[in-house]
Amino acid sequence: MGYPVVHFEIHATDDGATQQFYADLFGWKVDNNNPMNYGMIDTQADGQGIAGGVMSKREASGLTFYVQVPDPQAILDRAVAKGSTVVMPVSEMGPVTMAVFTDPAGNHIGVVKG
C-alpha cells in the first residue's frame, strides 16, 4: 500500500499577500491566528481534497507537500540514501512528528507520522 499526500504548503516571501491571493482566487478560508502566523488553509470544498498552509519564507517562494508515513526516520534515511538532502530532521512540531528533505530537483518533501 502507498502513502497518502495529507498536506500541502505554499512558501511565500509575502505570506499575507499570498494568503489573500488564494483566498480571493479560490474562495479558501485562511486562518493565521496562531503564534507562527502560519496560514492554515481550509479549501471550503466539503471534504474533497486536502488542506494546506501558507508559510512565510525569507528566500524564494516554493511549494512543499507532505506524505503521511508510519516511520518518518525510515523514509528520511531511504531518501538520503537516494541522494536527498535533509532540510529538517525528524522533529516534534506540536501535534505532529515530521521531517523534510529534497527531491532530485531540489523541491522540499515533508513526511509526517501517521
Protein backbone atom coordinates (compact mmCIF):
# COMPACT_ATOMS: atom_id res chain seq x y z
CA MET A 1 0.00 0.00 0.00
CA GLY A 2 1.27 3.50 -0.84
CA TYR A 3 1.34 6.53 1.43
CA PRO A 4 -1.19 9.40 1.01
CA VAL A 5 -0.40 13.08 0.50
CA VAL A 6 -2.02 14.73 3.52
CA HIS A 7 -0.99 18.40 3.41
CA PHE A 8 0.42 21.00 1.03
CA GLU A 9 2.33 24.12 1.92
CA ILE A 10 2.87 27.27 -0.12
CA HIS A 11 6.02 29.19 0.80
CA ALA A 12 5.89 32.93 0.20
CA THR A 13 8.14 35.88 0.82
CA ASP A 14 4.98 37.94 1.44
CA ASP A 15 2.75 35.47 3.23
CA GLY A 16 -0.07 37.97 3.91
CA ALA A 17 -0.44 38.90 0.24
CA THR A 18 -0.17 35.24 -0.79
CA GLN A 19 -2.80 34.19 1.74
CA GLN A 20 -5.15 36.90 0.43
CA PHE A 21 -4.44 35.92 -3.19
CA TYR A 22 -5.53 32.31 -2.67
CA ALA A 23 -8.49 33.30 -0.50
CA ASP A 24 -9.76 35.68 -3.19
CA LEU A 25 -8.92 33.44 -6.15
CA PHE A 26 -10.32 30.12 -4.92
CA GLY A 27 -12.62 31.11 -2.05
CA TRP A 28 -10.35 29.43 0.50
CA LYS A 29 -10.55 30.36 4.18
CA VAL A 30 -7.08 31.14 5.56
CA ASP A 31 -6.65 31.27 9.34
CA ASN A 32 -3.33 32.68 10.54
CA ASN A 33 -4.43 33.21 14.14
CA ASN A 34 -1.55 31.27 15.72
CA PRO A 35 1.86 32.13 17.22
CA MET A 36 3.72 31.38 13.96
CA ASN A 37 1.26 33.35 11.77
CA TYR A 38 1.02 30.14 9.72
CA GLY A 39 -1.90 30.44 7.31
CA MET A 40 -3.92 27.24 7.73
CA ILE A 41 -5.95 26.75 4.56
CA ASP A 42 -9.46 25.33 4.58
CA THR A 43 -10.35 24.94 0.91
CA GLN A 44 -14.09 25.01 1.79
CA ALA A 45 -14.57 22.04 -0.55
CA ASP A 46 -16.95 19.93 1.55
CA GLY A 47 -14.37 17.27 2.45
CA GLN A 48 -12.88 16.93 -1.02
CA GLY A 49 -9.12 17.29 -1.49
CA ILE A 50 -6.61 18.07 1.24
CA ALA A 51 -5.92 21.06 3.46
CA GLY A 52 -2.76 23.13 3.34
CA GLY A 53 -1.00 26.19 4.60
CA VAL A 54 0.88 29.35 3.64
CA MET A 55 4.23 29.81 5.34
CA SER A 56 6.46 32.87 5.40
CA LYS A 57 9.90 32.31 3.85
CA ARG A 58 12.67 34.85 3.54
CA GLU A 59 14.18 33.20 0.50
CA ALA A 60 12.49 32.31 -2.77
CA SER A 61 8.91 31.11 -2.76
CA GLY A 62 8.09 27.46 -3.41
CA LEU A 63 5.81 24.57 -2.56
CA THR A 64 6.08 21.60 -0.21
CA PHE A 65 3.77 18.64 0.08
CA TYR A 66 3.56 16.25 3.00
CA VAL A 67 3.13 12.48 2.88
CA GLN A 68 1.78 10.51 5.84
CA VAL A 69 4.08 7.59 6.73
CA PRO A 70 4.36 5.23 9.70
CA ASP A 71 8.08 5.94 10.30
CA PRO A 72 9.43 9.35 9.19
CA GLN A 73 13.04 8.44 10.13
CA ALA A 74 12.98 5.31 7.96
CA ILE A 75 11.71 7.29 4.97
CA LEU A 76 14.23 10.07 5.63
CA ASP A 77 17.04 7.51 5.72
CA ARG A 78 15.86 5.99 2.42
CA ALA A 79 15.65 9.44 0.81
CA VAL A 80 19.19 10.33 1.93
CA ALA A 81 20.46 7.01 0.57
CA LYS A 82 18.94 8.04 -2.78
CA GLY A 83 20.78 11.38 -2.73
CA SER A 84 18.31 13.64 -0.91
CA THR A 85 19.44 16.40 1.42
CA VAL A 86 17.87 16.75 4.85
CA VAL A 87 16.15 20.12 5.22
CA MET A 88 14.70 19.37 8.67
CA PRO A 89 15.50 16.23 10.67
CA VAL A 90 12.70 14.30 12.33
CA SER A 91 11.21 16.76 14.78
CA GLU A 92 8.19 17.07 17.03
CA MET A 93 6.21 20.12 15.89
CA GLY A 94 3.31 20.39 18.30
CA PRO A 95 0.78 17.73 17.33
CA VAL A 96 2.89 16.16 14.55
CA THR A 97 6.23 14.40 14.15
CA MET A 98 7.74 15.34 10.81
CA ALA A 99 10.85 15.70 8.64
CA VAL A 100 11.61 17.50 5.37
CA PHE A 101 14.06 16.56 2.61
CA THR A 102 14.76 17.47 -1.01
CA ASP A 103 13.84 15.56 -4.14
CA PRO A 104 16.32 15.35 -7.07
CA ALA A 105 15.08 18.70 -8.42
CA GLY A 106 15.57 20.43 -5.05
CA ASN A 107 11.87 20.59 -4.11
CA HIS A 108 11.01 20.06 -0.47
CA ILE A 109 9.08 16.93 0.50
CA GLY A 110 7.75 16.51 4.02
CA VAL A 111 6.85 13.30 5.80
CA VAL A 112 4.55 13.22 8.82
CA LYS A 113 3.93 10.33 11.18
CA GLY A 114 0.54 8.78 10.59
